[in-house]
Amino acid sequence: MRNFYFLAFIFAFVLSSAQTYSFDTVTKYVLNNAKKKGIKESVNYFNSDDFNYFLKVTRVPDYLSATLFDSKTDLAHHFTVKESKSNGNIFFAFEYDYSYKLNTKHLINQKQYITFGEISESYPKQVSMQIFSSKKANKPIAKHILTLQPASKNMFPMFALSRSLNFMLTSDADLPGNYMVVRDDITEKKVSCEFVLEDHNDVKLKITLPKTLNY
């Protein structure tokens, strides 16, 4: 993934004079099972000043694709990602394919309730997080121990959106303070796993949508 990250420092993709999205951070979280075997990767680009949108990159054996999620417009935009090589470097081009509605109003009607414990004074700092199916529920559906790294601004949404788009859309939860979540130890019923920040980098990436969107 490091070659992929390198691209973002040097590449800006512009289709026409329309809405432009800027990204300054890329993260790679990995979900591991109890045996520490990787189950799933989550690679996402963020604007650390505006978490109303983010870009999720998906790799399958034959190709790469990306989806830009925008909660303000309630739209998602799908891109085909094409790779090329020059002088040992890998370059990616994002080609716009189509857009679709997110239907966030339906998701927001299914709000989860999330609570945080006290942030520990020890190093590394940790905090407990519990997720309930609703505010009236007595037993949590999942328990988390988050390991935190101090940051210059609140980076909790990067972790939350990397976990799931619904995580942020269906809750009002936000961890107080300026931290980045570097590890999440999860217990859900009898299943335990971990969600670990494997890599993150500063980037300079701009994506501009075409004037006319395909639906």
N, C-alpha and C. Protein backbone atom coordinates (compact mmCIF):
# COMPACT_ATOMS: atom_id res chain seq x y z
N MET A 1 0.81 -1.21 0.00
CA MET A 1 0.00 0.00 0.00
C MET A 1 0.86 1.28 0.00
N ARG A 2 2.14 1.17 0.28
CA ARG A 2 2.93 2.39 0.37
C ARG A 2 3.04 3.08 -0.98
N ASN A 3 3.15 2.31 -2.08
CA ASN A 3 3.16 2.94 -3.39
C ASN A 3 1.86 3.66 -3.66
N PHE A 4 0.79 3.09 -3.18
CA PHE A 4 -0.52 3.69 -3.34
C PHE A 4 -0.58 5.02 -2.59
N TYR A 5 -0.02 5.06 -1.38
CA TYR A 5 -0.01 6.29 -0.62
C TYR A 5 0.82 7.36 -1.34
N PHE A 6 1.93 6.95 -1.93
CA PHE A 6 2.83 7.88 -2.59
C PHE A 6 2.10 8.66 -3.66
N LEU A 7 1.20 7.99 -4.34
CA LEU A 7 0.43 8.63 -5.40
C LEU A 7 -0.23 9.91 -4.91
N ALA A 8 -0.80 9.89 -3.75
CA ALA A 8 -1.62 11.01 -3.29
C ALA A 8 -0.81 12.29 -3.09
N PHE A 9 0.50 12.16 -2.92
CA PHE A 9 1.32 13.35 -2.76
C PHE A 9 1.50 14.09 -4.09
N ILE A 10 1.34 13.39 -5.18
CA ILE A 10 1.72 13.98 -6.46
C ILE A 10 0.59 14.04 -7.47
N PHE A 11 -0.59 13.52 -7.10
CA PHE A 11 -1.64 13.37 -8.08
C PHE A 11 -2.88 14.18 -7.72
N ALA A 12 -3.36 14.96 -8.67
CA ALA A 12 -4.63 15.66 -8.49
C ALA A 12 -5.46 15.41 -9.74
N PHE A 13 -6.65 14.88 -9.58
CA PHE A 13 -7.48 14.47 -10.71
C PHE A 13 -8.61 15.47 -10.91
N VAL A 14 -8.73 16.06 -12.09
CA VAL A 14 -9.74 17.07 -12.37
C VAL A 14 -10.51 16.69 -13.63
N LEU A 15 -11.83 16.61 -13.54
CA LEU A 15 -12.68 16.30 -14.69
C LEU A 15 -13.24 17.56 -15.34
N SER A 16 -13.77 18.47 -14.58
CA SER A 16 -14.33 19.71 -15.10
C SER A 16 -14.61 20.63 -13.93
N SER A 17 -15.09 21.84 -14.24
CA SER A 17 -15.37 22.79 -13.16
C SER A 17 -16.66 22.41 -12.46
N ALA A 18 -16.56 21.60 -11.43
CA ALA A 18 -17.70 21.17 -10.63
C ALA A 18 -17.22 21.03 -9.20
N GLN A 19 -17.97 20.31 -8.37
CA GLN A 19 -17.61 20.19 -6.96
C GLN A 19 -16.28 19.46 -6.79
N THR A 20 -15.40 20.05 -6.00
CA THR A 20 -14.07 19.48 -5.76
C THR A 20 -13.96 19.05 -4.30
N TYR A 21 -13.38 17.88 -4.09
CA TYR A 21 -13.14 17.33 -2.75
C TYR A 21 -11.63 17.27 -2.52
N SER A 22 -11.19 17.71 -1.35
CA SER A 22 -9.77 17.70 -1.01
C SER A 22 -9.53 16.72 0.14
N PHE A 23 -8.40 16.02 0.08
CA PHE A 23 -8.04 15.03 1.10
C PHE A 23 -6.61 15.31 1.57
N ASP A 24 -6.41 15.22 2.89
CA ASP A 24 -5.07 15.49 3.42
C ASP A 24 -4.50 14.34 4.25
N THR A 25 -5.30 13.26 4.45
CA THR A 25 -4.85 12.13 5.27
C THR A 25 -5.36 10.83 4.68
N VAL A 26 -4.53 9.81 4.68
CA VAL A 26 -4.95 8.47 4.27
C VAL A 26 -4.63 7.51 5.41
N THR A 27 -5.55 6.59 5.69
CA THR A 27 -5.35 5.60 6.75
C THR A 27 -5.58 4.20 6.22
N LYS A 28 -4.93 3.25 6.86
CA LYS A 28 -5.15 1.84 6.57
C LYS A 28 -5.37 1.12 7.90
N TYR A 29 -6.60 0.72 8.16
CA TYR A 29 -6.94 -0.10 9.32
C TYR A 29 -7.11 -1.54 8.87
N VAL A 30 -6.74 -2.48 9.74
CA VAL A 30 -6.87 -3.90 9.43
C VAL A 30 -7.66 -4.57 10.54
N LEU A 31 -8.67 -5.33 10.17
CA LEU A 31 -9.47 -6.10 11.12
C LEU A 31 -8.86 -7.50 11.23
N ASN A 32 -8.44 -7.88 12.44
CA ASN A 32 -7.84 -9.19 12.69
C ASN A 32 -8.76 -10.02 13.57
N ASN A 33 -8.78 -11.32 13.33
CA ASN A 33 -9.56 -12.20 14.19
C ASN A 33 -8.74 -12.56 15.44
N ALA A 34 -9.27 -13.45 16.27
CA ALA A 34 -8.61 -13.80 17.54
C ALA A 34 -7.23 -14.41 17.33
N LYS A 35 -7.00 -15.01 16.16
CA LYS A 35 -5.71 -15.61 15.85
C LYS A 35 -4.76 -14.64 15.15
N LYS A 36 -5.12 -13.37 15.17
CA LYS A 36 -4.30 -12.30 14.58
C LYS A 36 -4.17 -12.42 13.06
N LYS A 37 -5.12 -13.09 12.43
CA LYS A 37 -5.12 -13.19 10.98
C LYS A 37 -6.01 -12.10 10.40
N GLY A 38 -5.48 -11.41 9.38
CA GLY A 38 -6.23 -10.33 8.76
C GLY A 38 -7.50 -10.81 8.10
N ILE A 39 -8.62 -10.16 8.43
CA ILE A 39 -9.90 -10.50 7.84
C ILE A 39 -10.26 -9.49 6.75
N LYS A 40 -9.97 -8.22 7.02
CA LYS A 40 -10.40 -7.17 6.11
C LYS A 40 -9.54 -5.94 6.27
N GLU A 41 -9.23 -5.26 5.16
CA GLU A 41 -8.51 -3.99 5.18
C GLU A 41 -9.48 -2.86 4.89
N SER A 42 -9.23 -1.72 5.49
CA SER A 42 -10.04 -0.53 5.23
C SER A 42 -9.10 0.63 4.94
N VAL A 43 -9.01 1.02 3.66
CA VAL A 43 -8.13 2.12 3.23
C VAL A 43 -9.01 3.31 2.85
N ASN A 44 -8.79 4.45 3.50
CA ASN A 44 -9.66 5.59 3.30
C ASN A 44 -8.88 6.90 3.29
N TYR A 45 -9.34 7.83 2.44
CA TYR A 45 -8.80 9.19 2.39
C TYR A 45 -9.78 10.12 3.09
N PHE A 46 -9.22 11.07 3.88
CA PHE A 46 -10.05 11.99 4.65
C PHE A 46 -9.58 13.43 4.48
N ASN A 47 -10.51 14.35 4.72
CA ASN A 47 -10.17 15.75 4.95
C ASN A 47 -10.31 15.96 6.45
N SER A 48 -9.21 16.18 7.14
CA SER A 48 -9.23 16.24 8.60
C SER A 48 -9.97 17.46 9.14
N ASP A 49 -10.36 18.40 8.25
CA ASP A 49 -11.15 19.56 8.66
C ASP A 49 -12.63 19.39 8.31
N ASP A 50 -12.97 18.31 7.60
CA ASP A 50 -14.36 18.10 7.20
C ASP A 50 -14.61 16.61 7.02
N PHE A 51 -15.22 15.98 8.02
CA PHE A 51 -15.49 14.55 7.96
C PHE A 51 -16.88 14.24 7.42
N ASN A 52 -17.49 15.22 6.75
CA ASN A 52 -18.77 14.97 6.09
C ASN A 52 -18.60 14.16 4.81
N TYR A 53 -17.34 14.01 4.37
CA TYR A 53 -17.08 13.16 3.20
C TYR A 53 -15.76 12.42 3.38
N PHE A 54 -15.63 11.28 2.70
CA PHE A 54 -14.37 10.53 2.68
C PHE A 54 -14.37 9.61 1.46
N LEU A 55 -13.18 9.11 1.11
CA LEU A 55 -13.00 8.26 -0.07
C LEU A 55 -12.51 6.89 0.38
N LYS A 56 -13.28 5.86 0.09
CA LYS A 56 -12.93 4.48 0.46
C LYS A 56 -12.40 3.76 -0.78
N VAL A 57 -11.22 3.16 -0.66
CA VAL A 57 -10.60 2.42 -1.76
C VAL A 57 -10.73 0.93 -1.53
N THR A 58 -11.16 0.21 -2.54
CA THR A 58 -11.38 -1.23 -2.44
C THR A 58 -10.54 -1.96 -3.48
N ARG A 59 -9.80 -2.97 -3.04
CA ARG A 59 -9.00 -3.77 -3.96
C ARG A 59 -9.56 -5.19 -4.02
N VAL A 60 -9.79 -5.66 -5.24
CA VAL A 60 -10.14 -7.06 -5.48
C VAL A 60 -9.05 -7.62 -6.38
N PRO A 61 -8.99 -8.94 -6.58
CA PRO A 61 -7.86 -9.51 -7.32
C PRO A 61 -7.60 -8.88 -8.69
N ASP A 62 -8.64 -8.47 -9.41
CA ASP A 62 -8.46 -8.01 -10.78
C ASP A 62 -8.44 -6.50 -10.96
N TYR A 63 -8.92 -5.74 -10.00
CA TYR A 63 -9.00 -4.30 -10.22
C TYR A 63 -9.15 -3.54 -8.88
N LEU A 64 -8.98 -2.22 -8.98
CA LEU A 64 -9.20 -1.31 -7.87
C LEU A 64 -10.40 -0.43 -8.16
N SER A 65 -11.16 -0.11 -7.13
CA SER A 65 -12.24 0.86 -7.28
C SER A 65 -12.25 1.76 -6.04
N ALA A 66 -12.98 2.85 -6.13
CA ALA A 66 -13.08 3.78 -5.01
C ALA A 66 -14.48 4.36 -4.97
N THR A 67 -14.96 4.65 -3.76
CA THR A 67 -16.26 5.28 -3.59
C THR A 67 -16.11 6.49 -2.69
N LEU A 68 -16.61 7.63 -3.14
CA LEU A 68 -16.58 8.87 -2.37
C LEU A 68 -17.95 9.05 -1.73
N PHE A 69 -18.00 9.04 -0.40
CA PHE A 69 -19.25 9.18 0.35
C PHE A 69 -19.37 10.62 0.86
N ASP A 70 -20.51 11.26 0.60
CA ASP A 70 -20.75 12.63 1.03
C ASP A 70 -22.08 12.67 1.79
N SER A 71 -22.02 12.81 3.11
CA SER A 71 -23.25 12.79 3.92
C SER A 71 -24.04 14.09 3.78
N LYS A 72 -23.39 15.20 3.39
CA LYS A 72 -24.11 16.46 3.23
C LYS A 72 -25.04 16.43 2.02
N THR A 73 -24.56 15.87 0.92
CA THR A 73 -25.38 15.78 -0.29
C THR A 73 -26.19 14.49 -0.34
N ASP A 74 -25.90 13.57 0.60
CA ASP A 74 -26.57 12.26 0.65
C ASP A 74 -26.29 11.46 -0.62
N LEU A 75 -25.07 11.62 -1.15
CA LEU A 75 -24.69 10.93 -2.38
C LEU A 75 -23.38 10.16 -2.20
N ALA A 76 -23.22 9.11 -3.01
CA ALA A 76 -21.95 8.39 -3.13
C ALA A 76 -21.56 8.39 -4.60
N HIS A 77 -20.25 8.45 -4.86
CA HIS A 77 -19.75 8.52 -6.23
C HIS A 77 -18.71 7.42 -6.43
N HIS A 78 -18.93 6.59 -7.44
CA HIS A 78 -18.07 5.44 -7.68
C HIS A 78 -17.04 5.75 -8.76
N PHE A 79 -15.80 5.29 -8.54
CA PHE A 79 -14.71 5.51 -9.49
C PHE A 79 -14.01 4.18 -9.80
N THR A 80 -13.59 4.03 -11.04
CA THR A 80 -12.64 2.98 -11.40
C THR A 80 -11.24 3.55 -11.22
N VAL A 81 -10.36 2.79 -10.60
CA VAL A 81 -9.00 3.26 -10.35
C VAL A 81 -8.05 2.52 -11.28
N LYS A 82 -7.34 3.28 -12.12
CA LYS A 82 -6.41 2.68 -13.08
C LYS A 82 -4.97 2.93 -12.63
N GLU A 83 -4.16 1.88 -12.74
CA GLU A 83 -2.77 1.95 -12.33
C GLU A 83 -1.85 2.10 -13.54
N SER A 84 -0.77 2.86 -13.36
CA SER A 84 0.29 2.94 -14.37
C SER A 84 1.61 3.08 -13.64
N LYS A 85 2.71 2.73 -14.33
CA LYS A 85 4.02 2.79 -13.72
C LYS A 85 4.96 3.67 -14.54
N SER A 86 5.81 4.43 -13.84
CA SER A 86 6.79 5.26 -14.50
C SER A 86 7.98 5.45 -13.57
N ASN A 87 9.17 5.09 -14.04
CA ASN A 87 10.41 5.24 -13.26
C ASN A 87 10.31 4.58 -11.89
N GLY A 88 9.65 3.43 -11.86
CA GLY A 88 9.54 2.67 -10.62
C GLY A 88 8.44 3.13 -9.69
N ASN A 89 7.73 4.19 -10.06
CA ASN A 89 6.62 4.69 -9.24
C ASN A 89 5.30 4.23 -9.82
N ILE A 90 4.30 4.05 -8.95
CA ILE A 90 2.97 3.66 -9.37
C ILE A 90 2.05 4.86 -9.30
N PHE A 91 1.34 5.13 -10.40
CA PHE A 91 0.41 6.25 -10.47
C PHE A 91 -1.00 5.71 -10.65
N PHE A 92 -1.96 6.31 -9.96
CA PHE A 92 -3.36 5.91 -10.06
C PHE A 92 -4.16 7.06 -10.67
N ALA A 93 -5.11 6.72 -11.53
CA ALA A 93 -6.05 7.70 -12.08
C ALA A 93 -7.46 7.28 -11.69
N PHE A 94 -8.23 8.22 -11.14
CA PHE A 94 -9.60 7.94 -10.73
C PHE A 94 -10.55 8.33 -11.86
N GLU A 95 -11.23 7.36 -12.44
CA GLU A 95 -12.18 7.62 -13.52
C GLU A 95 -13.61 7.51 -12.98
N TYR A 96 -14.35 8.60 -13.07
CA TYR A 96 -15.71 8.63 -12.55
C TYR A 96 -16.61 7.67 -13.33
N ASP A 97 -17.42 6.89 -12.58
CA ASP A 97 -18.35 5.94 -13.20
C ASP A 97 -19.81 6.36 -13.03
N TYR A 98 -20.25 6.46 -11.78
CA TYR A 98 -21.66 6.76 -11.53
C TYR A 98 -21.84 7.22 -10.08
N SER A 99 -23.04 7.72 -9.78
CA SER A 99 -23.39 8.18 -8.44
C SER A 99 -24.69 7.51 -8.00
N TYR A 100 -24.92 7.48 -6.68
CA TYR A 100 -26.18 6.93 -6.18
C TYR A 100 -26.51 7.56 -4.82
N LYS A 101 -27.79 7.51 -4.44
CA LYS A 101 -28.25 8.06 -3.18
C LYS A 101 -27.83 7.17 -2.02
N LEU A 102 -27.47 7.80 -0.89
CA LEU A 102 -27.09 7.05 0.30
C LEU A 102 -28.30 6.69 1.17
N ASN A 103 -29.38 7.45 1.04
CA ASN A 103 -30.57 7.22 1.87
C ASN A 103 -30.25 7.27 3.36
N THR A 104 -29.54 8.32 3.77
CA THR A 104 -29.12 8.44 5.16
C THR A 104 -30.30 8.69 6.10
N LYS A 105 -31.40 9.27 5.59
CA LYS A 105 -32.55 9.51 6.46
C LYS A 105 -33.06 8.20 7.05
N HIS A 106 -33.02 7.13 6.24
CA HIS A 106 -33.45 5.82 6.74
C HIS A 106 -32.49 5.32 7.82
N LEU A 107 -31.20 5.55 7.62
CA LEU A 107 -30.20 5.09 8.58
C LEU A 107 -30.29 5.87 9.89
N ILE A 108 -30.52 7.18 9.79
CA ILE A 108 -30.55 8.01 10.99
C ILE A 108 -31.74 7.65 11.87
N ASN A 109 -32.78 7.08 11.28
CA ASN A 109 -33.93 6.64 12.08
C ASN A 109 -33.61 5.39 12.89
N GLN A 110 -32.42 4.80 12.67
CA GLN A 110 -32.00 3.60 13.39
C GLN A 110 -30.80 3.93 14.28
N LYS A 111 -30.88 5.01 15.01
CA LYS A 111 -29.75 5.51 15.79
C LYS A 111 -29.29 4.51 16.85
N GLN A 112 -27.98 4.32 16.90
CA GLN A 112 -27.37 3.57 17.99
C GLN A 112 -27.03 4.55 19.11
N TYR A 113 -26.80 4.02 20.28
CA TYR A 113 -26.41 4.85 21.43
C TYR A 113 -25.03 4.39 21.88
N ILE A 114 -24.09 5.31 21.94
CA ILE A 114 -22.70 4.98 22.25
C ILE A 114 -22.24 5.76 23.47
N THR A 115 -21.59 5.06 24.40
CA THR A 115 -21.07 5.73 25.60
C THR A 115 -19.56 5.49 25.71
N PHE A 116 -18.88 6.47 26.32
CA PHE A 116 -17.44 6.37 26.55
C PHE A 116 -17.17 6.39 28.05
N GLY A 117 -16.13 5.67 28.47
CA GLY A 117 -15.67 5.74 29.85
C GLY A 117 -14.67 6.87 30.01
N GLU A 118 -13.95 6.85 31.12
CA GLU A 118 -12.91 7.85 31.37
C GLU A 118 -11.64 7.47 30.60
N ILE A 119 -11.00 8.47 30.00
CA ILE A 119 -9.72 8.23 29.32
C ILE A 119 -8.64 8.03 30.38
N SER A 120 -7.91 6.95 30.29
CA SER A 120 -6.90 6.62 31.30
C SER A 120 -5.76 7.62 31.29
N GLU A 121 -5.09 7.75 32.41
CA GLU A 121 -3.92 8.63 32.51
C GLU A 121 -2.64 7.90 32.15
N SER A 122 -2.73 6.57 32.01
CA SER A 122 -1.54 5.76 31.73
C SER A 122 -1.12 5.91 30.27
N TYR A 123 0.02 5.32 29.95
CA TYR A 123 0.48 5.29 28.56
C TYR A 123 0.61 3.84 28.11
N PRO A 124 0.01 3.45 26.97
CA PRO A 124 -0.78 4.34 26.10
C PRO A 124 -2.14 4.63 26.70
N LYS A 125 -2.70 5.76 26.34
CA LYS A 125 -4.03 6.13 26.83
C LYS A 125 -5.08 5.20 26.25
N GLN A 126 -6.05 4.82 27.06
CA GLN A 126 -7.12 3.96 26.61
C GLN A 126 -8.46 4.47 27.14
N VAL A 127 -9.53 4.08 26.44
CA VAL A 127 -10.87 4.45 26.87
C VAL A 127 -11.82 3.33 26.46
N SER A 128 -12.80 3.05 27.31
CA SER A 128 -13.80 2.04 26.97
C SER A 128 -14.92 2.69 26.17
N MET A 129 -15.50 1.91 25.27
CA MET A 129 -16.63 2.38 24.47
C MET A 129 -17.65 1.25 24.39
N GLN A 130 -18.92 1.56 24.66
CA GLN A 130 -19.98 0.57 24.57
C GLN A 130 -21.03 1.03 23.57
N ILE A 131 -21.53 0.08 22.78
CA ILE A 131 -22.53 0.39 21.77
C ILE A 131 -23.84 -0.31 22.14
N PHE A 132 -24.91 0.46 22.19
CA PHE A 132 -26.24 -0.05 22.51
C PHE A 132 -27.14 0.07 21.28
N SER A 133 -28.10 -0.82 21.16
CA SER A 133 -29.01 -0.78 20.01
C SER A 133 -29.90 0.46 20.04
N SER A 134 -30.14 1.02 21.22
CA SER A 134 -30.92 2.24 21.39
C SER A 134 -30.60 2.85 22.75
N LYS A 135 -31.07 4.06 22.99
CA LYS A 135 -30.80 4.73 24.25
C LYS A 135 -31.50 4.03 25.42
N LYS A 136 -32.58 3.30 25.14
CA LYS A 136 -33.33 2.61 26.18
C LYS A 136 -32.77 1.23 26.51
N ALA A 137 -31.87 0.72 25.67
CA ALA A 137 -31.33 -0.63 25.87
C ALA A 137 -30.48 -0.70 27.13
N ASN A 138 -30.57 -1.82 27.83
CA ASN A 138 -29.82 -2.00 29.08
C ASN A 138 -28.47 -2.68 28.88
N LYS A 139 -28.39 -3.57 27.89
CA LYS A 139 -27.15 -4.32 27.66
C LYS A 139 -26.52 -3.89 26.33
N PRO A 140 -25.22 -3.65 26.33
CA PRO A 140 -24.56 -3.26 25.07
C PRO A 140 -24.49 -4.42 24.08
N ILE A 141 -24.55 -4.10 22.80
CA ILE A 141 -24.40 -5.12 21.76
C ILE A 141 -22.93 -5.36 21.45
N ALA A 142 -22.07 -4.44 21.86
CA ALA A 142 -20.63 -4.60 21.64
C ALA A 142 -19.86 -3.75 22.64
N LYS A 143 -18.69 -4.27 23.07
CA LYS A 143 -17.81 -3.54 23.97
C LYS A 143 -16.45 -3.36 23.29
N HIS A 144 -15.87 -2.17 23.47
CA HIS A 144 -14.61 -1.83 22.82
C HIS A 144 -13.65 -1.23 23.84
N ILE A 145 -12.37 -1.53 23.68
CA ILE A 145 -11.30 -0.82 24.39
C ILE A 145 -10.46 -0.14 23.31
N LEU A 146 -10.51 1.20 23.30
CA LEU A 146 -9.79 1.97 22.29
C LEU A 146 -8.44 2.43 22.84
N THR A 147 -7.38 2.18 22.08
CA THR A 147 -6.06 2.70 22.40
C THR A 147 -5.85 3.98 21.61
N LEU A 148 -5.45 5.05 22.30
CA LEU A 148 -5.43 6.38 21.70
C LEU A 148 -4.02 6.93 21.54
N GLN A 149 -3.87 7.75 20.51
CA GLN A 149 -2.61 8.47 20.29
C GLN A 149 -2.95 9.96 20.21
N PRO A 150 -2.29 10.81 20.99
CA PRO A 150 -2.58 12.24 20.92
C PRO A 150 -2.39 12.78 19.50
N ALA A 151 -3.26 13.71 19.09
CA ALA A 151 -3.21 14.27 17.74
C ALA A 151 -3.41 15.78 17.83
N SER A 152 -3.16 16.47 16.73
CA SER A 152 -3.30 17.93 16.70
C SER A 152 -4.76 18.36 16.63
N LYS A 153 -5.65 17.41 16.22
CA LYS A 153 -7.08 17.68 16.16
C LYS A 153 -7.83 16.38 16.41
N ASN A 154 -9.14 16.44 16.51
CA ASN A 154 -9.94 15.25 16.80
C ASN A 154 -9.99 14.34 15.57
N MET A 155 -9.33 13.19 15.64
CA MET A 155 -9.27 12.25 14.53
C MET A 155 -10.15 11.02 14.77
N PHE A 156 -11.00 11.05 15.81
CA PHE A 156 -11.88 9.92 16.07
C PHE A 156 -12.75 9.56 14.86
N PRO A 157 -13.29 10.53 14.09
CA PRO A 157 -14.12 10.16 12.94
C PRO A 157 -13.40 9.30 11.90
N MET A 158 -12.08 9.41 11.79
CA MET A 158 -11.36 8.57 10.83
C MET A 158 -11.50 7.10 11.20
N PHE A 159 -11.37 6.81 12.48
CA PHE A 159 -11.56 5.45 12.96
C PHE A 159 -13.00 5.01 12.76
N ALA A 160 -13.95 5.88 13.16
CA ALA A 160 -15.37 5.51 13.09
C ALA A 160 -15.81 5.23 11.66
N LEU A 161 -15.42 6.08 10.72
CA LEU A 161 -15.81 5.90 9.33
C LEU A 161 -15.08 4.72 8.70
N SER A 162 -13.87 4.43 9.14
CA SER A 162 -13.16 3.25 8.65
C SER A 162 -13.84 1.97 9.10
N ARG A 163 -14.45 2.00 10.29
CA ARG A 163 -15.21 0.85 10.77
C ARG A 163 -16.45 0.64 9.92
N SER A 164 -17.23 1.72 9.71
CA SER A 164 -18.49 1.60 8.99
C SER A 164 -19.06 2.97 8.72
N LEU A 165 -19.61 3.17 7.54
CA LEU A 165 -20.29 4.42 7.23
C LEU A 165 -21.44 4.62 8.20
N ASN A 166 -22.15 3.56 8.53
CA ASN A 166 -23.30 3.65 9.44
C ASN A 166 -22.89 4.06 10.84
N PHE A 167 -21.64 3.79 11.21
CA PHE A 167 -21.16 4.07 12.57
C PHE A 167 -21.38 5.54 12.92
N MET A 168 -21.05 6.44 11.98
CA MET A 168 -21.20 7.86 12.25
C MET A 168 -22.61 8.35 11.94
N LEU A 169 -23.24 7.79 10.90
CA LEU A 169 -24.55 8.28 10.49
C LEU A 169 -25.64 7.90 11.47
N THR A 170 -25.43 6.82 12.22
CA THR A 170 -26.48 6.34 13.11
C THR A 170 -26.18 6.62 14.58
N SER A 171 -25.29 7.54 14.85
CA SER A 171 -25.00 7.90 16.24
C SER A 171 -24.53 9.34 16.32
N ASP A 172 -24.60 9.91 17.51
CA ASP A 172 -24.10 11.26 17.76
C ASP A 172 -22.79 11.21 18.52
N ALA A 173 -22.17 10.05 18.58
CA ALA A 173 -20.99 9.85 19.42
C ALA A 173 -19.76 10.54 18.84
N ASP A 174 -18.99 11.15 19.73
CA ASP A 174 -17.71 11.71 19.34
C ASP A 174 -16.82 11.71 20.57
N LEU A 175 -15.66 11.12 20.46
CA LEU A 175 -14.73 11.04 21.59
C LEU A 175 -14.21 12.43 21.92
N PRO A 176 -14.30 12.87 23.18
CA PRO A 176 -13.81 14.21 23.52
C PRO A 176 -12.28 14.27 23.48
N GLY A 177 -11.76 15.40 23.07
CA GLY A 177 -10.31 15.58 23.03
C GLY A 177 -9.75 15.32 21.65
N ASN A 178 -8.46 15.58 21.50
CA ASN A 178 -7.77 15.40 20.22
C ASN A 178 -6.96 14.12 20.23
N TYR A 179 -7.53 13.08 19.64
CA TYR A 179 -6.89 11.77 19.62
C TYR A 179 -7.11 11.07 18.28
N MET A 180 -6.19 10.15 17.98
CA MET A 180 -6.35 9.21 16.88
C MET A 180 -6.45 7.82 17.49
N VAL A 181 -7.42 7.03 17.04
CA VAL A 181 -7.57 5.66 17.54
C VAL A 181 -6.60 4.77 16.78
N VAL A 182 -5.65 4.14 17.50
CA VAL A 182 -4.67 3.29 16.84
C VAL A 182 -4.98 1.80 17.01
N ARG A 183 -5.92 1.49 17.91
CA ARG A 183 -6.28 0.09 18.11
C ARG A 183 -7.65 0.01 18.79
N ASP A 184 -8.43 -0.96 18.37
CA ASP A 184 -9.74 -1.20 18.95
C ASP A 184 -9.86 -2.69 19.25
N ASP A 185 -9.92 -3.04 20.53
CA ASP A 185 -10.15 -4.43 20.94
C ASP A 185 -11.65 -4.61 21.16
N ILE A 186 -12.25 -5.49 20.36
CA ILE A 186 -13.70 -5.60 20.26
C ILE A 186 -14.18 -6.91 20.87
N THR A 187 -15.24 -6.83 21.66
CA THR A 187 -15.94 -8.02 22.15
C THR A 187 -17.41 -7.87 21.78
N GLU A 188 -17.90 -8.79 20.98
CA GLU A 188 -19.30 -8.77 20.55
C GLU A 188 -19.87 -10.17 20.73
N LYS A 189 -20.75 -10.32 21.73
CA LYS A 189 -21.25 -11.63 22.15
C LYS A 189 -20.05 -12.48 22.56
N LYS A 190 -19.80 -13.60 21.90
CA LYS A 190 -18.69 -14.47 22.26
C LYS A 190 -17.50 -14.31 21.31
N VAL A 191 -17.58 -13.32 20.44
CA VAL A 191 -16.54 -13.12 19.43
C VAL A 191 -15.63 -11.97 19.83
N SER A 192 -14.32 -12.18 19.70
CA SER A 192 -13.34 -11.13 19.97
C SER A 192 -12.48 -10.91 18.74
N CYS A 193 -12.16 -9.66 18.46
CA CYS A 193 -11.28 -9.34 17.34
C CYS A 193 -10.65 -7.98 17.61
N GLU A 194 -9.79 -7.53 16.71
CA GLU A 194 -9.12 -6.25 16.88
C GLU A 194 -9.11 -5.49 15.56
N PHE A 195 -9.19 -4.18 15.66
CA PHE A 195 -9.18 -3.29 14.50
C PHE A 195 -8.00 -2.36 14.70
N VAL A 196 -6.95 -2.51 13.89
CA VAL A 196 -5.66 -1.87 14.17
C VAL A 196 -5.28 -0.90 13.05
N LEU A 197 -4.80 0.28 13.43
CA LEU A 197 -4.27 1.23 12.47
C LEU A 197 -2.88 0.77 12.05
N GLU A 198 -2.78 0.26 10.83
CA GLU A 198 -1.50 -0.28 10.34
C GLU A 198 -0.63 0.81 9.74
N ASP A 199 -1.25 1.84 9.14
CA ASP A 199 -0.47 2.89 8.51
C ASP A 199 -1.34 4.13 8.33
N HIS A 200 -0.72 5.31 8.37
CA HIS A 200 -1.41 6.54 7.99
C HIS A 200 -0.36 7.54 7.51
N ASN A 201 -0.76 8.41 6.57
CA ASN A 201 0.15 9.37 5.98
C ASN A 201 -0.58 10.66 5.65
N ASP A 202 0.18 11.76 5.61
CA ASP A 202 -0.35 13.01 5.06
C ASP A 202 -0.35 12.90 3.54
N VAL A 203 -1.37 13.45 2.90
CA VAL A 203 -1.47 13.39 1.45
C VAL A 203 -1.96 14.74 0.90
N LYS A 204 -1.86 14.89 -0.41
CA LYS A 204 -2.45 16.02 -1.13
C LYS A 204 -3.18 15.45 -2.33
N LEU A 205 -4.47 15.31 -2.19
CA LEU A 205 -5.28 14.70 -3.24
C LEU A 205 -6.54 15.52 -3.45
N LYS A 206 -6.86 15.83 -4.71
CA LYS A 206 -8.10 16.52 -5.05
C LYS A 206 -8.84 15.70 -6.10
N ILE A 207 -10.14 15.57 -5.92
CA ILE A 207 -10.99 14.91 -6.90
C ILE A 207 -12.15 15.83 -7.22
N THR A 208 -12.37 16.11 -8.50
CA THR A 208 -13.45 16.98 -8.93
C THR A 208 -14.46 16.16 -9.72
N LEU A 209 -15.71 16.27 -9.35
CA LEU A 209 -16.78 15.54 -10.02
C LEU A 209 -17.13 16.21 -11.34
N PRO A 210 -17.65 15.46 -12.32
CA PRO A 210 -18.13 16.08 -13.55
C PRO A 210 -19.37 16.91 -13.28
N LYS A 211 -19.67 17.85 -14.16
CA LYS A 211 -20.87 18.67 -13.99
C LYS A 211 -22.14 17.82 -14.02
N THR A 212 -22.16 16.86 -14.94
CA THR A 212 -23.33 16.01 -15.08
C THR A 212 -23.02 14.64 -14.48
N LEU A 213 -23.79 14.24 -13.47
CA LEU A 213 -23.56 12.97 -12.79
C LEU A 213 -24.41 11.85 -13.42
N ASN A 214 -23.87 10.64 -13.39
CA ASN A 214 -24.60 9.46 -13.88
C ASN A 214 -25.29 8.78 -12.72
N TYR A 215 -26.56 8.48 -12.86
CA TYR A 215 -27.31 7.76 -11.82
C TYR A 215 -27.83 6.43 -12.36
